[in-house]
Amino acid sequence: MEEEAEEEEEEEEEEEEEKKKKNKMKKKRRRRRRRRRRRRRKRRRRRRLFTSKKDLNVGEKLLKYYIWSIALFGAETWTPRKLHQKYLRSFEMWCWRRTLHWTDHVRNEEVLQRFN
């Protein structure tokens, strides 16, 4: 009888350990799902900045006053290089195109004319 009772206790302990492991796994899965959801939400917010249907003047002002101030923060201390200028120009064009919602092949001059 004592042996049977001990075996039952051991089985119960094993079952409890298994339950704990399952609960841990469930918690991990929940955390992962939450993280994924948060990342998706962040991506959507970033996209909305440029892709929402708003007045072009608002997009232009956003670019000029907000985004460029961030992009050029500390530019006075940079040593100007051609590569940096190239990156800045390409970033500028990317931003302008995103505000216009253009995906077609359009020359840079045409994009700039649209805003100037």
Protein backbone atom coordinates (compact mmCIF):
# COMPACT_ATOMS: atom_id res chain seq x y z
CA MET A 1 0.00 0.00 0.00
CA GLU A 2 2.75 2.37 0.86
CA GLU A 3 4.45 1.68 -2.45
CA GLU A 4 1.24 2.36 -4.35
CA ALA A 5 0.75 5.61 -2.49
CA GLU A 6 4.33 6.67 -3.28
CA GLU A 7 3.85 5.78 -6.95
CA GLU A 8 0.65 7.81 -7.08
CA GLU A 9 2.41 10.78 -5.47
CA GLU A 10 5.25 10.52 -7.98
CA GLU A 11 2.78 10.36 -10.85
CA GLU A 12 0.95 13.40 -9.49
CA GLU A 13 4.24 15.29 -9.18
CA GLU A 14 5.15 14.38 -12.75
CA GLU A 15 1.74 15.52 -13.96
CA GLU A 16 2.17 18.83 -12.12
CA GLU A 17 5.60 19.31 -13.67
CA GLU A 18 4.17 18.64 -17.11
CA LYS A 19 1.39 21.15 -16.48
CA LYS A 20 3.98 23.73 -15.40
CA LYS A 21 5.99 23.11 -18.56
CA LYS A 22 2.88 23.48 -20.71
CA ASN A 23 1.96 26.71 -18.95
CA LYS A 24 5.46 28.07 -19.53
CA MET A 25 5.23 27.22 -23.20
CA LYS A 26 1.82 28.91 -23.43
CA LYS A 27 3.21 32.03 -21.80
CA LYS A 28 6.14 32.09 -24.21
CA ARG A 29 3.80 31.75 -27.18
CA ARG A 30 1.63 34.58 -25.87
CA ARG A 31 4.66 36.82 -25.45
CA ARG A 32 5.82 36.05 -28.98
CA ARG A 33 2.36 36.83 -30.38
CA ARG A 34 2.25 40.11 -28.48
CA ARG A 35 5.67 41.09 -29.78
CA ARG A 36 4.65 40.27 -33.34
CA ARG A 37 1.47 42.30 -32.98
CA ARG A 38 3.41 45.26 -31.63
CA ARG A 39 5.89 45.09 -34.50
CA ARG A 40 3.07 44.94 -37.03
CA ARG A 41 1.38 47.94 -35.46
CA LYS A 42 4.62 49.91 -35.56
CA ARG A 43 5.11 49.08 -39.23
CA ARG A 44 1.56 50.14 -40.02
CA ARG A 45 2.06 53.46 -38.23
CA ARG A 46 5.23 54.12 -40.20
CA ARG A 47 3.47 53.37 -43.47
CA ARG A 48 0.55 55.63 -42.60
CA LEU A 49 2.84 58.62 -42.27
CA PHE A 50 3.49 58.62 -45.99
CA THR A 51 0.70 56.58 -47.51
CA SER A 52 -2.41 58.01 -45.90
CA LYS A 53 -4.53 60.11 -48.23
CA LYS A 54 -3.94 63.62 -47.01
CA ASP A 55 -3.31 66.99 -48.54
CA LEU A 56 0.02 67.21 -50.34
CA ASN A 57 0.79 70.49 -48.59
CA VAL A 58 0.68 68.72 -45.25
CA GLY A 59 3.03 66.03 -46.54
CA GLU A 60 5.38 68.66 -47.91
CA LYS A 61 5.44 70.52 -44.60
CA LEU A 62 6.00 67.30 -42.70
CA LEU A 63 8.97 66.52 -44.88
CA LYS A 64 10.52 69.96 -44.76
CA TYR A 65 10.12 70.72 -41.08
CA TYR A 66 9.98 67.42 -39.29
CA ILE A 67 11.73 64.70 -41.23
CA TRP A 68 14.58 66.79 -42.61
CA SER A 69 15.33 68.25 -39.19
CA ILE A 70 15.74 64.70 -37.89
CA ALA A 71 17.67 63.46 -40.92
CA LEU A 72 20.10 66.36 -40.83
CA PHE A 73 20.53 66.51 -37.07
CA GLY A 74 24.16 67.22 -36.36
CA ALA A 75 25.00 67.69 -40.04
CA GLU A 76 27.14 70.72 -39.17
CA THR A 77 29.62 68.36 -37.56
CA TRP A 78 29.82 65.94 -40.47
CA THR A 79 32.67 65.91 -42.89
CA PRO A 80 30.78 66.26 -46.18
CA ARG A 81 31.46 63.35 -48.49
CA LYS A 82 30.01 62.47 -51.87
CA LEU A 83 28.62 59.24 -50.56
CA HIS A 84 26.70 61.02 -47.80
CA GLN A 85 25.30 63.49 -50.31
CA LYS A 86 24.19 60.62 -52.51
CA TYR A 87 22.42 58.93 -49.59
CA LEU A 88 20.70 62.15 -48.59
CA ARG A 89 19.52 62.80 -52.16
CA SER A 90 18.16 59.28 -52.50
CA PHE A 91 16.42 59.57 -49.12
CA GLU A 92 14.88 62.87 -50.17
CA MET A 93 13.54 61.37 -53.41
CA TRP A 94 12.21 58.37 -51.55
CA CYS A 95 10.30 60.65 -49.19
CA TRP A 96 8.88 62.80 -52.01
CA ARG A 97 7.74 59.75 -53.93
CA ARG A 98 6.08 58.30 -50.86
CA THR A 99 4.09 61.48 -50.29
CA LEU A 100 2.92 61.41 -53.90
CA HIS A 101 2.00 57.71 -53.77
CA TRP A 102 3.93 57.08 -56.96
CA THR A 103 5.12 53.63 -57.75
CA ASP A 104 5.63 54.15 -61.48
CA HIS A 105 8.97 54.95 -63.03
CA VAL A 106 9.17 58.75 -62.96
CA ARG A 107 12.25 60.88 -63.33
CA ASN A 108 13.52 62.74 -60.28
CA GLU A 109 13.11 66.10 -62.03
CA GLU A 110 9.41 65.44 -62.52
CA VAL A 111 8.96 64.58 -58.87
CA LEU A 112 10.72 67.76 -57.77
CA GLN A 113 8.69 69.87 -60.22
CA ARG A 114 5.52 68.54 -58.67
CA PHE A 115 6.46 70.09 -55.34
CA ASN A 116 8.19 73.24 -56.54
